[in-house]
Amino acid sequence: GMTNVEAWFSSIGIPGFAAYIVALLELVGGIMLIAGLFTRYVSALF
């Protein structure tokens, strides 16, 4: 649940909206790495 992740991010001093950015980066970036698409850019973001 993203509301739980957002709350945890907020509890450690990270803006809650960053939870959505991180979750999307991990999910979409992971898929892109598996496929080998934009590997350098995704890896730099990681």
All heavy atoms as atom14 arrays in JSON, in Angstrom:
{
  "sequence": "GMTNVEAWFSSIGIPGFAAYIVALLELVGGIMLIAGLFTRYVSALF",
  "atom14_mask": [
    [1, 1, 1, 1, 0, 0, 0, 0, 0, 0, 0, 0, 0, 0],
    [1, 1, 1, 1, 1, 1, 1, 1, 0, 0, 0, 0, 0, 0],
    [1, 1, 1, 1, 1, 1, 1, 0, 0, 0, 0, 0, 0, 0],
    [1, 1, 1, 1, 1, 1, 1, 1, 0, 0, 0, 0, 0, 0],
    [1, 1, 1, 1, 1, 1, 1, 0, 0, 0, 0, 0, 0, 0],
    [1, 1, 1, 1, 1, 1, 1, 1, 1, 0, 0, 0, 0, 0],
    [1, 1, 1, 1, 1, 0, 0, 0, 0, 0, 0, 0, 0, 0],
    [1, 1, 1, 1, 1, 1, 1, 1, 1, 1, 1, 1, 1, 1],
    [1, 1, 1, 1, 1, 1, 1, 1, 1, 1, 1, 0, 0, 0],
    [1, 1, 1, 1, 1, 1, 0, 0, 0, 0, 0, 0, 0, 0],
    [1, 1, 1, 1, 1, 1, 0, 0, 0, 0, 0, 0, 0, 0],
    [1, 1, 1, 1, 1, 1, 1, 1, 0, 0, 0, 0, 0, 0],
    [1, 1, 1, 1, 0, 0, 0, 0, 0, 0, 0, 0, 0, 0],
    [1, 1, 1, 1, 1, 1, 1, 1, 0, 0, 0, 0, 0, 0],
    [1, 1, 1, 1, 1, 1, 1, 0, 0, 0, 0, 0, 0, 0],
    [1, 1, 1, 1, 0, 0, 0, 0, 0, 0, 0, 0, 0, 0],
    [1, 1, 1, 1, 1, 1, 1, 1, 1, 1, 1, 0, 0, 0],
    [1, 1, 1, 1, 1, 0, 0, 0, 0, 0, 0, 0, 0, 0],
    [1, 1, 1, 1, 1, 0, 0, 0, 0, 0, 0, 0, 0, 0],
    [1, 1, 1, 1, 1, 1, 1, 1, 1, 1, 1, 1, 0, 0],
    [1, 1, 1, 1, 1, 1, 1, 1, 0, 0, 0, 0, 0, 0],
    [1, 1, 1, 1, 1, 1, 1, 0, 0, 0, 0, 0, 0, 0],
    [1, 1, 1, 1, 1, 0, 0, 0, 0, 0, 0, 0, 0, 0],
    [1, 1, 1, 1, 1, 1, 1, 1, 0, 0, 0, 0, 0, 0],
    [1, 1, 1, 1, 1, 1, 1, 1, 0, 0, 0, 0, 0, 0],
    [1, 1, 1, 1, 1, 1, 1, 1, 1, 0, 0, 0, 0, 0],
    [1, 1, 1, 1, 1, 1, 1, 1, 0, 0, 0, 0, 0, 0],
    [1, 1, 1, 1, 1, 1, 1, 0, 0, 0, 0, 0, 0, 0],
    [1, 1, 1, 1, 0, 0, 0, 0, 0, 0, 0, 0, 0, 0],
    [1, 1, 1, 1, 0, 0, 0, 0, 0, 0, 0, 0, 0, 0],
    [1, 1, 1, 1, 1, 1, 1, 1, 0, 0, 0, 0, 0, 0],
    [1, 1, 1, 1, 1, 1, 1, 1, 0, 0, 0, 0, 0, 0],
    [1, 1, 1, 1, 1, 1, 1, 1, 0, 0, 0, 0, 0, 0],
    [1, 1, 1, 1, 1, 1, 1, 1, 0, 0, 0, 0, 0, 0],
    [1, 1, 1, 1, 1, 0, 0, 0, 0, 0, 0, 0, 0, 0],
    [1, 1, 1, 1, 0, 0, 0, 0, 0, 0, 0, 0, 0, 0],
    [1, 1, 1, 1, 1, 1, 1, 1, 0, 0, 0, 0, 0, 0],
    [1, 1, 1, 1, 1, 1, 1, 1, 1, 1, 1, 0, 0, 0],
    [1, 1, 1, 1, 1, 1, 1, 0, 0, 0, 0, 0, 0, 0],
    [1, 1, 1, 1, 1, 1, 1, 1, 1, 1, 1, 0, 0, 0],
    [1, 1, 1, 1, 1, 1, 1, 1, 1, 1, 1, 1, 0, 0],
    [1, 1, 1, 1, 1, 1, 1, 0, 0, 0, 0, 0, 0, 0],
    [1, 1, 1, 1, 1, 1, 0, 0, 0, 0, 0, 0, 0, 0],
    [1, 1, 1, 1, 1, 0, 0, 0, 0, 0, 0, 0, 0, 0],
    [1, 1, 1, 1, 1, 1, 1, 1, 0, 0, 0, 0, 0, 0],
    [1, 1, 1, 1, 1, 1, 1, 1, 1, 1, 1, 0, 0, 0]
  ],
  "atom14_positions": [
    [[0.83, -1.2, 0.0], [0.0, 0.0, 0.0], [0.86, 1.24, 0.0], [1.67, 1.45, 0.9], [0.0, 0.0, 0.0], [0.0, 0.0, 0.0], [0.0, 0.0, 0.0], [0.0, 0.0, 0.0], [0.0, 0.0, 0.0], [0.0, 0.0, 0.0], [0.0, 0.0, 0.0], [0.0, 0.0, 0.0], [0.0, 0.0, 0.0], [0.0, 0.0, 0.0]],
    [[0.67, 2.05, -1.01], [1.52, 3.23, -1.15], [1.3, 4.24, -0.02], [2.21, 5.0, 0.3], [1.32, 3.88, -2.52], [1.94, 3.08, -3.66], [3.69, 2.67, -3.4], [4.43, 4.3, -3.37], [0.0, 0.0, 0.0], [0.0, 0.0, 0.0], [0.0, 0.0, 0.0], [0.0, 0.0, 0.0], [0.0, 0.0, 0.0], [0.0, 0.0, 0.0]],
    [[0.12, 4.25, 0.58], [-0.08, 5.16, 1.71], [0.81, 4.76, 2.88], [1.33, 5.62, 3.59], [-1.55, 5.21, 2.15], [-2.02, 3.88, 2.4], [-2.42, 5.85, 1.07], [0.0, 0.0, 0.0], [0.0, 0.0, 0.0], [0.0, 0.0, 0.0], [0.0, 0.0, 0.0], [0.0, 0.0, 0.0], [0.0, 0.0, 0.0], [0.0, 0.0, 0.0]],
    [[1.01, 3.46, 3.07], [1.91, 2.99, 4.13], [3.36, 3.36, 3.82], [4.11, 3.78, 4.7], [1.8, 1.47, 4.31], [0.45, 1.04, 4.82], [-0.21, 1.78, 5.54], [0.02, -0.15, 4.44], [0.0, 0.0, 0.0], [0.0, 0.0, 0.0], [0.0, 0.0, 0.0], [0.0, 0.0, 0.0], [0.0, 0.0, 0.0], [0.0, 0.0, 0.0]],
    [[3.74, 3.18, 2.57], [5.11, 3.52, 2.17], [5.33, 5.02, 2.3], [6.36, 5.48, 2.8], [5.41, 3.03, 0.73], [6.81, 3.42, 0.3], [5.2, 1.52, 0.63], [0.0, 0.0, 0.0], [0.0, 0.0, 0.0], [0.0, 0.0, 0.0], [0.0, 0.0, 0.0], [0.0, 0.0, 0.0], [0.0, 0.0, 0.0], [0.0, 0.0, 0.0]],
    [[4.33, 5.79, 1.87], [4.41, 7.25, 1.97], [4.55, 7.68, 3.43], [5.35, 8.56, 3.76], [3.16, 7.87, 1.35], [3.15, 9.37, 1.31], [1.9, 9.94, 0.67], [1.02, 9.16, 0.24], [1.81, 11.18, 0.61], [0.0, 0.0, 0.0], [0.0, 0.0, 0.0], [0.0, 0.0, 0.0], [0.0, 0.0, 0.0], [0.0, 0.0, 0.0]],
    [[3.8, 7.03, 4.31], [3.87, 7.36, 5.75], [5.25, 7.02, 6.31], [5.81, 7.77, 7.12], [2.78, 6.61, 6.51], [0.0, 0.0, 0.0], [0.0, 0.0, 0.0], [0.0, 0.0, 0.0], [0.0, 0.0, 0.0], [0.0, 0.0, 0.0], [0.0, 0.0, 0.0], [0.0, 0.0, 0.0], [0.0, 0.0, 0.0], [0.0, 0.0, 0.0]],
    [[5.81, 5.88, 5.88], [7.14, 5.51, 6.38], [8.19, 6.51, 5.89], [9.06, 6.93, 6.64], [7.51, 4.09, 5.94], [8.83, 3.67, 6.51], [9.09, 3.26, 7.77], [10.09, 3.65, 5.81], [10.44, 2.99, 7.91], [11.07, 3.22, 6.72], [10.48, 3.96, 4.51], [12.41, 3.09, 6.38], [11.81, 3.83, 4.17], [12.75, 3.4, 5.11]],
    [[8.11, 6.89, 4.62], [9.03, 7.89, 4.09], [8.94, 9.17, 4.92], [9.96, 9.74, 5.31], [8.74, 8.19, 2.62], [9.46, 7.3, 1.63], [9.4, 5.92, 1.72], [10.19, 7.86, 0.6], [10.06, 5.11, 0.81], [10.86, 7.06, -0.32], [10.79, 5.69, -0.21], [0.0, 0.0, 0.0], [0.0, 0.0, 0.0], [0.0, 0.0, 0.0]],
    [[7.72, 9.62, 5.18], [7.52, 10.85, 5.96], [8.08, 10.71, 7.37], [8.63, 11.66, 7.92], [6.03, 11.19, 6.03], [5.54, 11.48, 4.75], [0.0, 0.0, 0.0], [0.0, 0.0, 0.0], [0.0, 0.0, 0.0], [0.0, 0.0, 0.0], [0.0, 0.0, 0.0], [0.0, 0.0, 0.0], [0.0, 0.0, 0.0], [0.0, 0.0, 0.0]],
    [[7.95, 9.51, 7.96], [8.42, 9.31, 9.33], [9.94, 9.4, 9.46], [10.44, 9.66, 10.54], [7.95, 7.95, 9.86], [8.69, 6.89, 9.29], [0.0, 0.0, 0.0], [0.0, 0.0, 0.0], [0.0, 0.0, 0.0], [0.0, 0.0, 0.0], [0.0, 0.0, 0.0], [0.0, 0.0, 0.0], [0.0, 0.0, 0.0], [0.0, 0.0, 0.0]],
    [[10.65, 9.19, 8.36], [12.12, 9.3, 8.43], [12.62, 10.61, 7.8], [13.81, 10.77, 7.54], [12.83, 8.08, 7.8], [12.48, 7.92, 6.32], [12.53, 6.81, 8.58], [13.33, 6.9, 5.6], [0.0, 0.0, 0.0], [0.0, 0.0, 0.0], [0.0, 0.0, 0.0], [0.0, 0.0, 0.0], [0.0, 0.0, 0.0], [0.0, 0.0, 0.0]],
    [[11.68, 11.52, 7.53], [12.07, 12.84, 7.07], [12.16, 13.02, 5.56], [12.68, 14.02, 5.08], [0.0, 0.0, 0.0], [0.0, 0.0, 0.0], [0.0, 0.0, 0.0], [0.0, 0.0, 0.0], [0.0, 0.0, 0.0], [0.0, 0.0, 0.0], [0.0, 0.0, 0.0], [0.0, 0.0, 0.0], [0.0, 0.0, 0.0], [0.0, 0.0, 0.0]],
    [[11.68, 12.05, 4.81], [11.68, 12.15, 3.35], [10.27, 12.54, 2.92], [9.29, 11.98, 3.44], [12.07, 10.79, 2.7], [13.45, 10.35, 3.18], [12.03, 10.88, 1.18], [13.82, 8.95, 2.76], [0.0, 0.0, 0.0], [0.0, 0.0, 0.0], [0.0, 0.0, 0.0], [0.0, 0.0, 0.0], [0.0, 0.0, 0.0], [0.0, 0.0, 0.0]],
    [[10.12, 13.5, 2.01], [8.78, 13.88, 1.57], [8.0, 12.65, 1.08], [8.54, 11.81, 0.35], [9.03, 14.85, 0.42], [10.41, 15.37, 0.66], [11.17, 14.27, 1.34], [0.0, 0.0, 0.0], [0.0, 0.0, 0.0], [0.0, 0.0, 0.0], [0.0, 0.0, 0.0], [0.0, 0.0, 0.0], [0.0, 0.0, 0.0], [0.0, 0.0, 0.0]],
    [[6.75, 12.54, 1.48], [5.93, 11.38, 1.17], [5.81, 11.08, -0.32], [5.77, 9.91, -0.73], [0.0, 0.0, 0.0], [0.0, 0.0, 0.0], [0.0, 0.0, 0.0], [0.0, 0.0, 0.0], [0.0, 0.0, 0.0], [0.0, 0.0, 0.0], [0.0, 0.0, 0.0], [0.0, 0.0, 0.0], [0.0, 0.0, 0.0], [0.0, 0.0, 0.0]],
    [[5.76, 12.13, -1.15], [5.61, 11.91, -2.6], [6.79, 11.14, -3.18], [6.68, 10.49, -4.22], [5.41, 13.23, -3.35], [6.65, 14.07, -3.45], [7.55, 13.89, -4.49], [6.92, 15.06, -2.51], [8.7, 14.68, -4.59], [8.05, 15.84, -2.59], [8.95, 15.65, -3.63], [0.0, 0.0, 0.0], [0.0, 0.0, 0.0], [0.0, 0.0, 0.0]],
    [[7.94, 11.18, -2.5], [9.12, 10.45, -2.99], [8.88, 8.95, -3.01], [9.51, 8.23, -3.79], [10.34, 10.8, -2.15], [0.0, 0.0, 0.0], [0.0, 0.0, 0.0], [0.0, 0.0, 0.0], [0.0, 0.0, 0.0], [0.0, 0.0, 0.0], [0.0, 0.0, 0.0], [0.0, 0.0, 0.0], [0.0, 0.0, 0.0], [0.0, 0.0, 0.0]],
    [[7.96, 8.48, -2.16], [7.64, 7.05, -2.13], [7.13, 6.59, -3.5], [7.48, 5.49, -3.97], [6.61, 6.76, -1.05], [0.0, 0.0, 0.0], [0.0, 0.0, 0.0], [0.0, 0.0, 0.0], [0.0, 0.0, 0.0], [0.0, 0.0, 0.0], [0.0, 0.0, 0.0], [0.0, 0.0, 0.0], [0.0, 0.0, 0.0], [0.0, 0.0, 0.0]],
    [[6.32, 7.41, -4.13], [5.77, 7.06, -5.45], [6.87, 7.06, -6.51], [6.89, 6.18, -7.37], [4.66, 8.05, -5.84], [3.47, 7.98, -4.91], [3.38, 8.84, -3.81], [2.47, 7.04, -5.1], [2.29, 8.77, -2.95], [1.39, 6.96, -4.24], [1.31, 7.82, -3.16], [0.24, 7.74, -2.3], [0.0, 0.0, 0.0], [0.0, 0.0, 0.0]],
    [[7.76, 8.02, -6.43], [8.87, 8.09, -7.38], [9.77, 6.86, -7.24], [10.12, 6.22, -8.23], [9.67, 9.39, -7.18], [8.8, 10.6, -7.51], [10.94, 9.39, -8.04], [9.39, 11.94, -7.09], [0.0, 0.0, 0.0], [0.0, 0.0, 0.0], [0.0, 0.0, 0.0], [0.0, 0.0, 0.0], [0.0, 0.0, 0.0], [0.0, 0.0, 0.0]],
    [[10.11, 6.53, -5.99], [10.98, 5.38, -5.74], [10.31, 4.08, -6.18], [10.94, 3.25, -6.85], [11.39, 5.32, -4.25], [12.06, 4.0, -3.91], [12.3, 6.49, -3.89], [0.0, 0.0, 0.0], [0.0, 0.0, 0.0], [0.0, 0.0, 0.0], [0.0, 0.0, 0.0], [0.0, 0.0, 0.0], [0.0, 0.0, 0.0], [0.0, 0.0, 0.0]],
    [[9.04, 3.9, -5.84], [8.34, 2.66, -6.21], [8.26, 2.51, -7.72], [8.49, 1.42, -8.26], [6.94, 2.65, -5.59], [0.0, 0.0, 0.0], [0.0, 0.0, 0.0], [0.0, 0.0, 0.0], [0.0, 0.0, 0.0], [0.0, 0.0, 0.0], [0.0, 0.0, 0.0], [0.0, 0.0, 0.0], [0.0, 0.0, 0.0], [0.0, 0.0, 0.0]],
    [[7.94, 3.59, -8.42], [7.88, 3.54, -9.89], [9.25, 3.28, -10.5], [9.37, 2.5, -11.45], [7.28, 4.83, -10.45], [5.77, 4.9, -10.46], [5.29, 6.29, -10.87], [5.17, 3.85, -11.38], [0.0, 0.0, 0.0], [0.0, 0.0, 0.0], [0.0, 0.0, 0.0], [0.0, 0.0, 0.0], [0.0, 0.0, 0.0], [0.0, 0.0, 0.0]],
    [[10.26, 3.95, -9.96], [11.62, 3.74, -10.47], [12.03, 2.28, -10.28], [12.59, 1.67, -11.19], [12.62, 4.67, -9.78], [14.08, 4.46, -10.15], [14.3, 4.65, -11.66], [14.97, 5.42, -9.38], [0.0, 0.0, 0.0], [0.0, 0.0, 0.0], [0.0, 0.0, 0.0], [0.0, 0.0, 0.0], [0.0, 0.0, 0.0], [0.0, 0.0, 0.0]],
    [[11.75, 1.73, -9.1], [12.13, 0.34, -8.86], [11.38, -0.62, -9.78], [11.98, -1.52, -10.37], [11.86, -0.03, -7.4], [12.83, 0.62, -6.44], [12.52, 0.32, -4.99], [11.4, -0.13, -4.65], [13.43, 0.56, -4.15], [0.0, 0.0, 0.0], [0.0, 0.0, 0.0], [0.0, 0.0, 0.0], [0.0, 0.0, 0.0], [0.0, 0.0, 0.0]],
    [[10.08, -0.4, -9.94], [9.28, -1.31, -10.77], [9.61, -1.15, -12.25], [10.02, -2.11, -12.91], [7.79, -1.06, -10.52], [6.83, -1.9, -11.37], [7.01, -3.39, -11.08], [5.39, -1.48, -11.11], [0.0, 0.0, 0.0], [0.0, 0.0, 0.0], [0.0, 0.0, 0.0], [0.0, 0.0, 0.0], [0.0, 0.0, 0.0], [0.0, 0.0, 0.0]],
    [[9.45, 0.04, -12.77], [9.66, 0.27, -14.21], [11.15, 0.14, -14.55], [11.51, -0.46, -15.56], [9.1, 1.64, -14.63], [9.4, 1.94, -16.09], [7.6, 1.7, -14.38], [0.0, 0.0, 0.0], [0.0, 0.0, 0.0], [0.0, 0.0, 0.0], [0.0, 0.0, 0.0], [0.0, 0.0, 0.0], [0.0, 0.0, 0.0], [0.0, 0.0, 0.0]],
    [[12.01, 0.71, -13.7], [13.45, 0.6, -13.93], [13.92, -0.84, -13.9], [14.77, -1.24, -14.7], [0.0, 0.0, 0.0], [0.0, 0.0, 0.0], [0.0, 0.0, 0.0], [0.0, 0.0, 0.0], [0.0, 0.0, 0.0], [0.0, 0.0, 0.0], [0.0, 0.0, 0.0], [0.0, 0.0, 0.0], [0.0, 0.0, 0.0], [0.0, 0.0, 0.0]],
    [[13.37, -1.64, -13.0], [13.72, -3.06, -12.94], [13.35, -3.78, -14.22], [14.13, -4.55, -14.78], [0.0, 0.0, 0.0], [0.0, 0.0, 0.0], [0.0, 0.0, 0.0], [0.0, 0.0, 0.0], [0.0, 0.0, 0.0], [0.0, 0.0, 0.0], [0.0, 0.0, 0.0], [0.0, 0.0, 0.0], [0.0, 0.0, 0.0], [0.0, 0.0, 0.0]],
    [[12.14, -3.51, -14.71], [11.7, -4.13, -15.97], [12.6, -3.68, -17.12], [12.98, -4.48, -17.98], [10.22, -3.78, -16.24], [9.32, -4.46, -15.19], [9.81, -4.18, -17.66], [7.89, -3.96, -15.18], [0.0, 0.0, 0.0], [0.0, 0.0, 0.0], [0.0, 0.0, 0.0], [0.0, 0.0, 0.0], [0.0, 0.0, 0.0], [0.0, 0.0, 0.0]],
    [[12.95, -2.4, -17.13], [13.82, -1.89, -18.19], [15.2, -2.54, -18.14], [15.79, -2.83, -19.19], [13.92, -0.37, -18.1], [12.61, 0.32, -18.45], [12.64, 2.09, -18.16], [13.42, 2.64, -19.66], [0.0, 0.0, 0.0], [0.0, 0.0, 0.0], [0.0, 0.0, 0.0], [0.0, 0.0, 0.0], [0.0, 0.0, 0.0], [0.0, 0.0, 0.0]],
    [[15.72, -2.77, -16.93], [17.02, -3.44, -16.83], [16.93, -4.88, -17.34], [17.84, -5.35, -18.02], [17.52, -3.45, -15.39], [18.27, -2.23, -14.89], [18.88, -2.51, -13.51], [19.33, -1.76, -15.83], [0.0, 0.0, 0.0], [0.0, 0.0, 0.0], [0.0, 0.0, 0.0], [0.0, 0.0, 0.0], [0.0, 0.0, 0.0], [0.0, 0.0, 0.0]],
    [[15.87, -5.57, -16.99], [15.71, -6.95, -17.45], [15.73, -6.99, -18.98], [16.39, -7.84, -19.57], [14.4, -7.56, -16.91], [14.49, -7.74, -15.39], [14.1, -8.9, -17.58], [13.17, -8.03, -14.71], [0.0, 0.0, 0.0], [0.0, 0.0, 0.0], [0.0, 0.0, 0.0], [0.0, 0.0, 0.0], [0.0, 0.0, 0.0], [0.0, 0.0, 0.0]],
    [[15.04, -6.05, -19.6], [14.99, -5.98, -21.06], [16.25, -5.37, -21.67], [16.5, -5.52, -22.85], [13.77, -5.17, -21.5], [0.0, 0.0, 0.0], [0.0, 0.0, 0.0], [0.0, 0.0, 0.0], [0.0, 0.0, 0.0], [0.0, 0.0, 0.0], [0.0, 0.0, 0.0], [0.0, 0.0, 0.0], [0.0, 0.0, 0.0], [0.0, 0.0, 0.0]],
    [[17.02, -4.69, -20.84], [18.22, -4.03, -21.36], [17.89, -2.75, -22.1], [18.53, -2.4, -23.08], [0.0, 0.0, 0.0], [0.0, 0.0, 0.0], [0.0, 0.0, 0.0], [0.0, 0.0, 0.0], [0.0, 0.0, 0.0], [0.0, 0.0, 0.0], [0.0, 0.0, 0.0], [0.0, 0.0, 0.0], [0.0, 0.0, 0.0], [0.0, 0.0, 0.0]],
    [[16.86, -2.03, -21.64], [16.42, -0.8, -22.29], [16.85, 0.4, -21.46], [16.5, 0.5, -20.28], [14.9, -0.82, -22.45], [14.27, 0.38, -23.15], [14.79, 0.5, -24.59], [12.75, 0.24, -23.15], [0.0, 0.0, 0.0], [0.0, 0.0, 0.0], [0.0, 0.0, 0.0], [0.0, 0.0, 0.0], [0.0, 0.0, 0.0], [0.0, 0.0, 0.0]],
    [[17.6, 1.3, -22.08], [18.13, 2.49, -21.4], [18.9, 2.11, -20.13], [18.78, 2.77, -19.09], [17.02, 3.5, -21.1], [16.25, 3.94, -22.3], [14.9, 3.71, -22.4], [16.9, 4.56, -23.36], [14.18, 4.1, -23.53], [16.2, 4.96, -24.49], [14.83, 4.72, -24.57], [0.0, 0.0, 0.0], [0.0, 0.0, 0.0], [0.0, 0.0, 0.0]],
    [[19.68, 1.07, -20.22], [20.39, 0.51, -19.07], [21.25, 1.54, -18.36], [21.24, 1.63, -17.13], [21.26, -0.68, -19.52], [20.4, -1.67, -20.1], [22.02, -1.28, -18.36], [0.0, 0.0, 0.0], [0.0, 0.0, 0.0], [0.0, 0.0, 0.0], [0.0, 0.0, 0.0], [0.0, 0.0, 0.0], [0.0, 0.0, 0.0], [0.0, 0.0, 0.0]],
    [[21.99, 2.32, -19.11], [22.89, 3.31, -18.48], [22.12, 4.35, -17.69], [22.51, 4.71, -16.58], [23.76, 3.98, -19.55], [24.77, 3.03, -20.14], [25.57, 3.7, -21.21], [26.58, 2.76, -21.71], [27.26, 2.95, -22.81], [27.07, 4.03, -23.54], [28.15, 2.06, -23.2], [0.0, 0.0, 0.0], [0.0, 0.0, 0.0], [0.0, 0.0, 0.0]],
    [[21.03, 4.85, -18.26], [20.25, 5.89, -17.58], [19.55, 5.35, -16.34], [19.57, 5.97, -15.28], [19.22, 6.5, -18.54], [19.85, 7.11, -19.76], [19.67, 6.54, -21.02], [20.65, 8.25, -19.67], [20.26, 7.09, -22.15], [21.24, 8.81, -20.79], [21.05, 8.22, -22.03], [21.64, 8.76, -23.14], [0.0, 0.0, 0.0], [0.0, 0.0, 0.0]],
    [[18.93, 4.18, -16.48], [18.24, 3.56, -15.35], [19.24, 3.26, -14.23], [18.98, 3.53, -13.06], [17.5, 2.28, -15.79], [16.96, 1.51, -14.59], [16.37, 2.62, -16.75], [0.0, 0.0, 0.0], [0.0, 0.0, 0.0], [0.0, 0.0, 0.0], [0.0, 0.0, 0.0], [0.0, 0.0, 0.0], [0.0, 0.0, 0.0], [0.0, 0.0, 0.0]],
    [[20.39, 2.73, -14.6], [21.42, 2.4, -13.61], [21.91, 3.65, -12.89], [22.11, 3.63, -11.67], [22.59, 1.67, -14.27], [22.15, 0.45, -14.81], [0.0, 0.0, 0.0], [0.0, 0.0, 0.0], [0.0, 0.0, 0.0], [0.0, 0.0, 0.0], [0.0, 0.0, 0.0], [0.0, 0.0, 0.0], [0.0, 0.0, 0.0], [0.0, 0.0, 0.0]],
    [[22.09, 4.73, -13.63], [22.51, 5.99, -13.0], [21.45, 6.49, -12.02], [21.78, 6.97, -10.92], [22.79, 7.05, -14.07], [0.0, 0.0, 0.0], [0.0, 0.0, 0.0], [0.0, 0.0, 0.0], [0.0, 0.0, 0.0], [0.0, 0.0, 0.0], [0.0, 0.0, 0.0], [0.0, 0.0, 0.0], [0.0, 0.0, 0.0], [0.0, 0.0, 0.0]],
    [[20.18, 6.36, -12.38], [19.1, 6.74, -11.46], [19.1, 5.87, -10.22], [18.86, 6.35, -9.11], [17.74, 6.67, -12.17], [17.46, 7.75, -13.19], [16.17, 7.45, -13.95], [17.39, 9.12, -12.54], [0.0, 0.0, 0.0], [0.0, 0.0, 0.0], [0.0, 0.0, 0.0], [0.0, 0.0, 0.0], [0.0, 0.0, 0.0], [0.0, 0.0, 0.0]],
    [[19.39, 4.57, -10.4], [19.47, 3.68, -9.23], [20.62, 4.09, -8.31], [20.49, 4.03, -7.09], [19.65, 2.22, -9.67], [18.39, 1.55, -10.13], [18.45, 0.48, -11.01], [17.14, 1.96, -9.7], [17.31, -0.17, -11.44], [15.98, 1.33, -10.13], [16.07, 0.25, -11.0], [0.0, 0.0, 0.0], [0.0, 0.0, 0.0], [0.0, 0.0, 0.0]]
  ]
}
